[in-house]
Protein backbone atom coordinates (compact mmCIF):
# COMPACT_ATOMS: atom_id res chain seq x y z
CA MET A 1 38.58 -52.89 12.40
CA LYS A 2 39.60 -52.67 8.75
CA LEU A 3 36.78 -55.29 7.92
CA LYS A 4 34.04 -53.33 10.29
CA GLN A 5 34.79 -50.27 8.20
CA LEU A 6 34.83 -52.42 4.51
CA THR A 7 31.14 -53.75 5.93
CA LEU A 8 29.95 -50.11 6.79
CA VAL A 9 31.45 -48.89 3.23
CA PHE A 10 29.28 -51.45 2.05
CA ALA A 11 26.61 -50.65 3.63
CA MET A 12 26.39 -47.18 2.92
CA LEU A 13 26.91 -47.95 -0.99
CA ILE A 14 24.22 -50.30 -1.13
CA SER A 15 22.12 -47.19 0.62
CA LEU A 16 22.95 -45.08 -1.70
CA MET A 17 22.10 -47.12 -4.82
CA THR A 18 18.66 -47.80 -3.35
CA MET A 19 18.30 -44.05 -2.88
CA ALA A 20 19.10 -43.50 -6.44
CA GLN A 21 16.37 -46.01 -7.78
CA LYS A 22 13.58 -43.85 -6.55
CA VAL A 23 10.98 -43.93 -8.59
CA GLU A 24 9.44 -40.34 -8.99
CA PHE A 25 5.35 -40.42 -10.34
CA THR A 26 2.31 -38.01 -10.87
CA GLU A 27 -0.40 -39.90 -10.66
CA TYR A 28 -4.07 -38.48 -11.03
CA ASP A 29 -8.18 -39.13 -11.85
CA LEU A 30 -9.81 -38.42 -14.65
CA ASP A 31 -13.50 -37.39 -14.21
CA ASN A 32 -14.75 -40.80 -15.89
CA GLY A 33 -12.76 -42.52 -13.27
CA LEU A 34 -9.46 -43.55 -15.08
CA HIS A 35 -6.42 -43.27 -12.94
CA VAL A 36 -3.63 -42.09 -14.04
CA ILE A 37 -0.02 -42.55 -13.36
CA LEU A 38 2.90 -40.63 -15.26
CA HIS A 39 6.71 -41.37 -14.51
CA GLN A 40 9.55 -39.32 -16.71
CA ASP A 41 12.54 -41.24 -17.31
CA LYS A 42 15.16 -39.46 -20.15
CA SER A 43 17.42 -42.23 -19.85
CA ALA A 44 16.38 -43.63 -23.77
CA PRO A 45 14.22 -42.65 -25.93
CA VAL A 46 11.46 -44.92 -25.46
CA VAL A 47 8.24 -44.84 -23.77
CA VAL A 48 5.49 -47.48 -22.41
CA THR A 49 1.72 -46.85 -22.65
CA SER A 50 -0.15 -49.45 -20.66
CA VAL A 51 -3.43 -50.15 -19.23
CA MET A 52 -4.42 -52.61 -16.00
CA TYR A 53 -7.94 -53.58 -15.35
CA HIS A 54 -9.11 -54.45 -12.24
CA VAL A 55 -10.26 -58.19 -13.83
CA GLY A 56 -8.55 -61.78 -13.75
CA ALA A 57 -9.85 -65.39 -13.53
CA LYS A 58 -11.31 -64.79 -10.17
CA ASP A 59 -14.54 -62.68 -11.16
CA GLU A 60 -15.17 -64.81 -13.83
CA ASP A 61 -18.85 -66.79 -13.79
CA PRO A 62 -17.63 -70.43 -12.50
CA GLU A 63 -19.60 -71.99 -15.36
CA ARG A 64 -17.58 -69.57 -17.79
CA THR A 65 -14.18 -69.86 -16.74
CA GLY A 66 -11.52 -68.31 -18.85
CA PHE A 67 -13.07 -65.56 -19.93
CA ALA A 68 -10.38 -63.30 -18.66
CA HIS A 69 -7.33 -64.77 -20.61
CA PHE A 70 -9.77 -65.10 -23.43
CA PHE A 71 -10.34 -61.29 -23.56
CA GLU A 72 -6.39 -60.91 -23.16
CA HIS A 73 -6.37 -62.19 -26.88
CA LEU A 74 -9.43 -61.30 -27.59
CA LEU A 75 -8.96 -57.20 -27.61
CA PHE A 76 -6.14 -57.57 -30.27
CA GLU A 77 -8.84 -58.53 -32.72
CA GLY A 78 -9.54 -54.88 -33.79
CA THR A 79 -11.41 -51.61 -33.09
CA GLU A 80 -13.86 -49.54 -34.94
CA ASN A 81 -10.84 -47.51 -36.14
CA ILE A 82 -7.92 -50.72 -36.33
CA GLY A 83 -8.99 -53.21 -38.97
CA ARG A 84 -8.63 -56.87 -37.63
CA GLY A 85 -5.42 -58.08 -38.14
CA GLU A 86 -4.19 -54.66 -38.38
CA TRP A 87 -2.90 -54.44 -34.42
CA PHE A 88 0.54 -55.69 -34.61
CA LYS A 89 1.33 -54.19 -37.91
CA ILE A 90 0.76 -51.12 -36.75
CA VAL A 91 3.00 -51.62 -33.66
CA SER A 92 5.90 -53.11 -35.37
CA LYS A 93 5.72 -50.58 -38.24
CA ASN A 94 6.32 -47.83 -36.27
CA GLY A 95 9.20 -49.41 -34.09
CA GLY A 96 7.73 -50.78 -31.11
CA VAL A 97 6.73 -54.13 -29.48
CA ASN A 98 3.28 -55.39 -27.24
CA ASN A 99 2.31 -57.97 -25.67
CA ALA A 100 -0.56 -58.44 -22.50
CA ASN A 101 -0.79 -61.13 -19.66
CA THR A 102 -3.35 -62.13 -17.21
CA THR A 103 -3.66 -63.42 -13.64
CA ASP A 104 -6.49 -64.38 -11.31
CA ASP A 105 -6.59 -60.35 -10.52
CA ARG A 106 -5.89 -58.55 -12.97
CA THR A 107 -5.23 -58.19 -17.04
CA TYR A 108 -1.86 -55.94 -18.21
CA TYR A 109 -1.77 -54.32 -21.86
CA TYR A 110 1.19 -52.45 -22.73
CA GLU A 111 2.77 -51.34 -25.85
CA VAL A 112 6.54 -49.98 -25.93
CA PHE A 113 7.53 -47.26 -29.02
CA PRO A 114 10.22 -45.06 -29.71
CA SER A 115 9.52 -41.49 -27.44
CA ASN A 116 7.80 -39.75 -30.65
CA TYR A 117 4.89 -42.06 -30.88
CA LEU A 118 3.61 -41.63 -27.49
CA ALA A 119 0.28 -40.49 -29.14
CA THR A 120 0.21 -43.94 -31.24
CA GLY A 121 0.54 -46.12 -28.18
CA LEU A 122 -2.20 -43.59 -26.07
CA TRP A 123 -4.52 -43.66 -28.99
CA MET A 124 -4.11 -47.48 -29.70
CA GLU A 125 -4.98 -48.50 -26.01
CA SER A 126 -7.99 -45.81 -26.11
CA GLU A 127 -9.36 -47.34 -29.08
CA ARG A 128 -9.16 -51.01 -26.85
CA MET A 129 -11.37 -49.21 -23.98
CA MET A 130 -13.76 -47.58 -26.03
CA HIS A 131 -14.16 -49.16 -29.70
CA PRO A 132 -13.42 -52.92 -29.16
CA ILE A 133 -15.35 -54.72 -31.94
CA ILE A 134 -16.36 -58.26 -30.35
CA ASN A 135 -17.74 -60.47 -33.41
CA GLN A 136 -18.08 -64.09 -33.92
CA ILE A 137 -15.05 -64.22 -36.36
CA GLY A 138 -12.99 -63.35 -33.65
CA VAL A 139 -14.13 -65.23 -31.16
CA ASP A 140 -13.83 -68.27 -33.25
CA THR A 141 -10.12 -67.56 -34.12
CA GLN A 142 -9.32 -66.70 -30.84
CA ASN A 143 -10.93 -69.63 -29.54
CA GLU A 144 -8.66 -72.04 -31.28
CA VAL A 145 -5.74 -70.21 -30.29
CA VAL A 146 -6.73 -70.47 -26.66
CA LYS A 147 -6.73 -73.98 -27.29
CA GLU A 148 -3.51 -74.35 -29.14
CA GLU A 149 -2.15 -72.45 -25.73
CA LYS A 150 -3.63 -75.03 -23.65
CA ARG A 151 -2.83 -77.99 -25.20
CA LEU A 152 0.88 -76.81 -25.58
CA ARG A 153 1.43 -75.36 -22.19
CA VAL A 154 -1.06 -77.35 -20.15
CA ASP A 155 -2.37 -80.49 -21.75
CA ASN A 156 1.21 -81.87 -23.45
CA SER A 157 3.65 -79.86 -21.18
CA PRO A 158 4.97 -82.46 -18.27
CA TYR A 159 3.85 -81.58 -15.04
CA GLY A 160 1.56 -78.49 -16.85
CA HIS A 161 -1.44 -79.57 -14.29
CA PHE A 162 0.59 -78.79 -11.22
CA ILE A 163 -1.10 -75.46 -10.54
CA GLU A 164 -4.49 -76.41 -11.58
CA GLN A 165 -4.65 -79.52 -9.31
CA VAL A 166 -2.85 -77.78 -6.47
CA LYS A 167 -5.97 -74.89 -6.53
CA LEU A 168 -8.55 -77.85 -7.00
CA HIS A 169 -7.66 -79.11 -3.85
CA LEU A 170 -6.28 -75.97 -1.72
CA PHE A 171 -9.89 -73.69 -2.38
CA ASP A 172 -13.14 -74.97 -1.76
CA LYS A 173 -15.45 -71.69 -2.22
CA HIS A 174 -13.05 -69.20 -3.49
CA PRO A 175 -12.66 -68.62 -6.99
CA TYR A 176 -9.20 -69.28 -7.25
CA LYS A 177 -10.06 -72.86 -7.26
CA HIS A 178 -10.25 -72.27 -11.03
CA THR A 179 -7.30 -72.06 -13.48
CA THR A 180 -6.53 -68.54 -15.40
CA ILE A 181 -6.70 -70.42 -18.86
CA GLY A 182 -10.06 -71.72 -17.80
CA LYS A 183 -12.53 -74.94 -19.19
CA MET A 184 -12.47 -75.25 -23.20
CA ALA A 185 -16.25 -76.32 -23.08
CA HIS A 186 -16.80 -73.20 -21.08
CA LEU A 187 -15.67 -70.98 -23.74
CA ASP A 188 -17.27 -73.20 -26.88
CA ALA A 189 -20.32 -72.88 -24.65
CA ALA A 190 -20.46 -69.15 -24.35
CA THR A 191 -22.43 -67.11 -26.47
CA LEU A 192 -21.40 -63.64 -28.57
CA GLU A 193 -23.61 -61.72 -25.93
CA GLU A 194 -22.19 -63.12 -22.99
CA PHE A 195 -18.49 -62.32 -24.36
CA GLN A 196 -19.95 -58.68 -24.94
CA ALA A 197 -21.36 -58.40 -21.39
CA PHE A 198 -17.81 -59.70 -20.10
CA ASN A 199 -16.20 -56.69 -21.68
CA LYS A 200 -19.25 -53.76 -20.67
CA LYS A 201 -19.06 -55.06 -16.77
CA PHE A 202 -15.29 -55.07 -16.81
CA TYR A 203 -13.19 -53.10 -19.52
CA LEU A 204 -14.08 -49.79 -18.15
CA PRO A 205 -12.07 -46.75 -17.35
CA ASN A 206 -13.60 -46.75 -13.48
CA ASN A 207 -11.87 -50.14 -13.65
CA ALA A 208 -8.49 -49.21 -15.43
CA THR A 209 -5.04 -48.32 -14.79
CA LEU A 210 -3.19 -45.95 -17.19
CA VAL A 211 0.54 -46.19 -16.83
CA VAL A 212 2.81 -44.19 -19.28
CA ALA A 213 6.40 -44.19 -18.38
CA GLY A 214 9.49 -43.09 -20.33
CA ASP A 215 10.98 -40.27 -22.30
CA ILE A 216 7.79 -37.86 -22.11
CA GLU A 217 6.98 -34.45 -21.14
CA ILE A 218 4.69 -34.50 -17.97
CA ALA A 219 2.00 -31.35 -19.18
CA PRO A 220 1.99 -32.44 -23.16
CA THR A 221 1.30 -36.05 -21.91
CA LYS A 222 -1.74 -35.29 -19.65
CA GLU A 223 -3.03 -33.36 -22.70
CA LEU A 224 -2.88 -36.34 -25.23
CA ILE A 225 -4.48 -38.54 -22.21
CA ALA A 226 -7.52 -36.14 -21.95
CA GLN A 227 -7.47 -36.18 -25.66
CA TYR A 228 -7.60 -39.55 -25.84
CA PHE A 229 -9.16 -41.17 -22.60
CA ALA A 230 -11.53 -38.44 -21.14
CA PRO A 231 -14.07 -39.01 -23.75
CA ILE A 232 -14.47 -42.74 -22.70
CA PRO A 233 -17.73 -42.91 -20.80
CA ALA A 234 -17.45 -44.15 -17.10
CA GLY A 235 -19.64 -47.66 -16.91
CA LYS A 236 -21.45 -49.04 -13.59
CA PRO A 237 -18.93 -49.50 -10.68
CA VAL A 238 -17.63 -53.01 -10.55
CA THR A 239 -18.79 -54.84 -6.93
CA ARG A 240 -17.31 -57.71 -6.07
CA THR A 241 -18.26 -60.31 -3.50
CA THR A 242 -15.95 -61.13 -0.94
CA VAL A 243 -15.32 -65.15 -0.38
CA LYS A 244 -14.37 -66.39 2.58
CA GLU A 245 -12.33 -69.98 2.95
CA GLU A 246 -12.65 -72.16 5.81
CA PRO A 247 -9.22 -72.47 7.79
CA ILE A 248 -7.65 -75.81 6.71
CA ILE A 249 -6.98 -77.68 9.89
CA GLU A 250 -6.68 -80.91 8.91
CA ALA A 251 -4.38 -82.14 6.20
CA ILE A 252 -5.64 -82.89 2.61
CA GLU A 253 -4.36 -85.76 0.74
CA ALA A 254 -4.82 -86.06 -3.10
CA GLU A 255 -2.58 -87.34 -5.96
CA TYR A 256 -2.72 -86.82 -9.82
CA HIS A 257 -1.91 -88.98 -12.73
CA ASP A 258 -0.14 -87.49 -15.95
CA PRO A 259 0.64 -88.76 -18.62
CA ASN A 260 3.24 -86.42 -19.87
CA ILE A 261 5.80 -87.46 -17.14
CA LYS A 262 8.20 -90.61 -16.11
CA LEU A 263 9.37 -89.08 -12.72
CA PRO A 264 6.48 -88.33 -9.68
CA ALA A 265 6.88 -85.24 -7.55
CA LEU A 266 5.75 -84.38 -4.33
CA MET A 267 3.65 -80.79 -3.55
CA TYR A 268 3.10 -79.28 -0.21
CA ALA A 269 0.98 -76.27 -0.60
CA TYR A 270 -0.33 -74.02 2.22
CA ARG A 271 -3.33 -71.53 1.61
CA THR A 272 -1.78 -68.39 2.80
CA PRO A 273 -2.78 -64.38 3.75
CA SER A 274 -3.30 -61.65 0.97
CA MET A 275 0.02 -60.26 -0.48
CA LYS A 276 -1.23 -57.48 1.09
CA THR A 277 -0.19 -58.26 4.58
CA ARG A 278 3.03 -58.50 6.52
CA ASP A 279 3.04 -61.84 6.96
CA ALA A 280 3.59 -62.33 2.78
CA TYR A 281 6.62 -60.43 2.73
CA VAL A 282 7.67 -62.76 5.59
CA LEU A 283 7.03 -65.88 3.77
CA ASP A 284 8.69 -64.58 0.24
CA MET A 285 11.96 -64.49 2.64
CA ILE A 286 11.27 -67.61 3.68
CA SER A 287 11.35 -69.13 0.12
CA SER A 288 14.42 -67.24 -0.18
CA ILE A 289 15.79 -69.19 2.59
CA LEU A 290 14.85 -72.54 1.56
CA SER A 291 15.10 -72.54 -2.09
CA SER A 292 16.61 -69.52 -3.34
CA GLY A 293 19.95 -70.83 -5.38
CA LYS A 294 22.45 -74.04 -4.59
CA SER A 295 23.52 -72.95 -1.24
CA SER A 296 19.73 -72.74 -0.21
CA ARG A 297 18.60 -75.33 3.30
CA LEU A 298 15.99 -77.14 1.02
CA HIS A 299 18.76 -77.72 -1.77
CA LYS A 300 21.91 -78.04 0.20
CA LYS A 301 19.86 -80.74 2.36
CA LEU A 302 18.05 -82.75 -0.18
CA VAL A 303 19.99 -82.71 -3.18
CA ASP A 304 23.74 -82.35 -2.39
CA LYS A 305 23.89 -84.04 1.14
CA LEU A 306 21.08 -86.48 1.10
CA LYS A 307 21.28 -87.01 -2.65
CA LYS A 308 17.48 -87.93 -2.50
CA ALA A 309 16.26 -85.33 -4.60
CA MET A 310 17.27 -84.09 -7.93
CA MET A 311 15.17 -80.82 -7.73
CA VAL A 312 13.65 -78.72 -4.90
CA GLY A 313 12.34 -75.49 -4.64
CA ALA A 314 9.73 -73.54 -2.79
CA PHE A 315 7.63 -70.30 -3.73
CA ASN A 316 5.33 -67.72 -2.41
CA MET A 317 2.14 -67.65 -4.39
CA SER A 318 1.21 -63.98 -3.92
CA GLN A 319 -2.39 -62.86 -4.58
CA GLU A 320 -4.93 -60.39 -3.52
CA ASP A 321 -7.39 -62.46 -1.76
CA TYR A 322 -5.15 -65.04 -0.91
CA SER A 323 -1.69 -66.60 -1.40
CA MET A 324 -0.53 -70.08 -2.15
CA TYR A 325 2.69 -71.28 -0.56
CA ILE A 326 4.17 -74.29 -2.50
CA ILE A 327 7.07 -76.82 -1.94
CA PHE A 328 8.24 -79.28 -4.47
CA ALA A 329 10.76 -81.89 -5.19
CA MET A 330 11.57 -84.34 -7.50
CA PRO A 331 13.25 -87.95 -6.15
CA VAL A 332 16.33 -89.00 -7.38
CA GLY A 333 15.87 -92.68 -8.53
CA ASP A 334 13.45 -94.81 -6.57
CA THR A 335 13.57 -92.62 -3.32
CA PRO A 336 10.12 -92.79 -1.92
CA LEU A 337 7.95 -89.56 -1.91
CA ASP A 338 7.71 -89.93 2.18
CA GLU A 339 11.37 -89.99 2.16
CA LEU A 340 11.22 -86.05 0.68
CA GLY A 341 8.42 -85.39 2.78
CA THR A 342 10.30 -85.97 6.06
CA ALA A 343 13.22 -84.48 4.77
CA ILE A 344 11.48 -81.24 3.83
CA ASP A 345 9.44 -81.22 6.95
CA ASN A 346 12.90 -81.44 9.09
CA GLU A 347 13.91 -78.40 7.28
CA ILE A 348 10.86 -76.63 8.40
CA THR A 349 10.83 -77.77 11.51
CA ARG A 350 14.27 -76.36 11.70
CA LEU A 351 13.18 -72.96 10.79
CA GLN A 352 10.15 -73.37 13.25
CA THR A 353 12.72 -73.83 16.41
CA GLU A 354 16.09 -72.05 15.51
CA LEU A 355 16.63 -68.57 14.60
CA ILE A 356 18.34 -68.21 11.43
CA SER A 357 21.81 -67.18 11.70
CA GLU A 358 23.05 -63.34 11.62
CA LYS A 359 25.42 -64.20 8.41
CA GLU A 360 22.11 -66.06 7.09
CA TYR A 361 19.92 -62.78 7.84
CA GLU A 362 22.39 -60.39 6.30
CA LYS A 363 22.70 -62.62 2.94
CA LEU A 364 19.35 -62.60 3.17
CA GLN A 365 18.60 -58.99 2.89
CA ASN A 366 21.21 -58.41 0.27
CA LYS A 367 19.57 -60.48 -1.89
CA PHE A 368 16.18 -58.34 -1.44
CA GLU A 369 18.05 -55.22 -1.76
CA ASN A 370 19.55 -56.40 -5.70
CA ASN A 371 15.72 -57.88 -6.54
CA PHE A 372 14.57 -54.19 -5.78
CA VAL A 373 17.25 -52.46 -7.96
CA ASN A 374 16.69 -54.76 -10.58
CA GLN A 375 12.48 -54.41 -10.10
CA ASN A 376 13.00 -51.19 -11.08
CA ALA A 377 15.92 -51.25 -14.10
CA SER A 378 13.69 -50.75 -17.08
CA VAL A 379 10.95 -48.80 -17.87
CA GLU A 380 8.94 -51.43 -18.40
CA GLY A 381 9.25 -52.84 -15.04
CA ILE A 382 8.40 -49.37 -13.70
CA ALA A 383 5.62 -49.26 -15.79
CA ASN A 384 3.92 -53.02 -14.61
CA SER A 385 5.11 -52.23 -10.90
CA LEU A 386 3.22 -48.87 -11.10
CA ALA A 387 0.01 -49.88 -11.76
CA ARG A 388 0.25 -53.13 -9.84
CA TYR A 389 1.20 -51.49 -6.65
CA GLN A 390 -2.14 -49.21 -7.35
CA MET A 391 -4.39 -51.44 -8.25
CA LEU A 392 -3.81 -54.54 -5.88
CA TYR A 393 -2.21 -53.19 -2.97
CA GLY A 394 -3.69 -49.31 -2.97
CA ASP A 395 -0.61 -48.11 -2.72
CA THR A 396 1.74 -46.72 -6.00
CA ASN A 397 4.18 -45.21 -3.64
CA LEU A 398 5.08 -49.38 -2.59
CA ILE A 399 7.68 -48.91 -5.74
CA ASN A 400 9.59 -47.13 -3.32
CA ASP A 401 8.54 -48.15 0.12
CA GLU A 402 8.29 -51.72 -0.50
CA ILE A 403 11.95 -52.58 0.21
CA LYS A 404 11.29 -50.95 3.90
CA ILE A 405 9.04 -53.49 4.77
CA TYR A 406 11.95 -56.48 3.99
CA ARG A 407 14.23 -54.47 5.88
CA SER A 408 12.51 -54.31 8.84
CA ILE A 409 11.78 -57.99 8.78
CA THR A 410 13.51 -59.50 12.16
CA ARG A 411 14.90 -63.35 12.19
CA GLU A 412 11.88 -63.67 15.14
CA GLU A 413 9.34 -62.88 12.60
CA ILE A 414 10.63 -65.34 10.18
CA LYS A 415 10.69 -68.06 12.85
CA ALA A 416 6.78 -66.93 14.12
CA VAL A 417 5.43 -66.90 10.46
CA ALA A 418 6.99 -70.30 9.62
CA ASN A 419 4.85 -70.99 12.76
CA LYS A 420 2.07 -69.80 11.71
CA TYR A 421 1.37 -71.02 8.44
CA LEU A 422 3.64 -74.33 7.72
CA LYS A 423 1.98 -76.56 9.81
CA PRO A 424 1.43 -80.00 8.29
CA ASN A 425 -2.40 -80.39 9.11
CA GLN A 426 -2.62 -76.89 7.26
CA ARG A 427 -1.69 -78.14 4.24
CA LEU A 428 -2.31 -80.18 0.83
CA ARG A 429 -0.25 -83.31 -0.12
CA LEU A 430 -0.08 -83.62 -3.57
CA ASN A 431 1.31 -86.89 -5.52
CA TYR A 432 1.83 -86.27 -8.26
CA LEU A 433 2.47 -88.97 -10.32
CA PRO A 434 3.03 -90.65 -14.00
CA LYS A 435 0.26 -92.28 -15.60
CA GLU A 436 0.73 -95.94 -16.63
CA ASN A 437 -0.36 -96.44 -20.71
CA LYS A 438 -2.75 -99.02 -21.35
């Protein structure tokens, strides 16, 4: 009886924690189409100003890959009212930090300032949207920066071509086939007019979401937003062509030789549905079962028990149109990759034929409850989530409701989804091998 009472108390505490984490927000649209989301948080005297643009690597001309990521760098070059090289000086001088990042689906810029510099953050992001200077000096400068980034993170990095090779073989028609960083030859060949046209097409208020989160007052913040962003004219609506892939019905075999590694690796990759589907949430849970921590199934089996792998993992790479479910392993010593593959398949089969235990299910739910709390633990994380849920999912309140989806997933669903997607004839097998020096 005492154990049951303690369990009930623990469950109530978890419930209260998640209720306390509810994120309140206000959202509306300006006449130019800019979607605005405001979140007030008085816990610290800081404010985040961020803009997410609905443009990523999938929106590029296939002969001009890398444009979206290039713009992540290029739009820090300066504006009509912010001199070249002055952007970061303004931020640091006013006690702030800033950054940007790009995916296949969106590009995100943000500043974190002391709350009394809210107007500065809004002014800077409105300048980026309305008055960017895109000239040859900036293009040439950032071309070298991006090339160095590619050399560091991809070309000279062990296993740096892993995701590139998975995407190349897993997609046939969809632009997810290309990498976010793109091909340097495409950037070299692009004209200044092409860069300017890309900006004009995608960097529009009607293709963006502005989030202001932190120590703010709602009414004065709305006035500042109207002052800085309302004068920006709307552009032509962005039209996108939906590219459908044919289902994979026969296993794909591929290999890649990496000159930066000495140990081979095995990768299994499955093309899975959009992150907006319920099945994508179930696949997140399957990833946790298989490879979250040293108590996970793959680690316990391949690393601890069989001692065939020095590293093993699984993750669901969720995206707007399609996702990728990837399992990888690195062998111990001369263990053949086929033996790793057999051991992985045995664990997948176990997931497909047996319900996970009640204890494992309870642990899984606790983990996702904890993830939910941590995700909303900082104002920066909240700002990012608000923009992402609104833009890519079409439901801003998922910041509060997504955990309900995970809570509702059953053991039976986990088994069914594993059967639906993790089939040997529906995957890519990539042997990632060392390249011999000649």
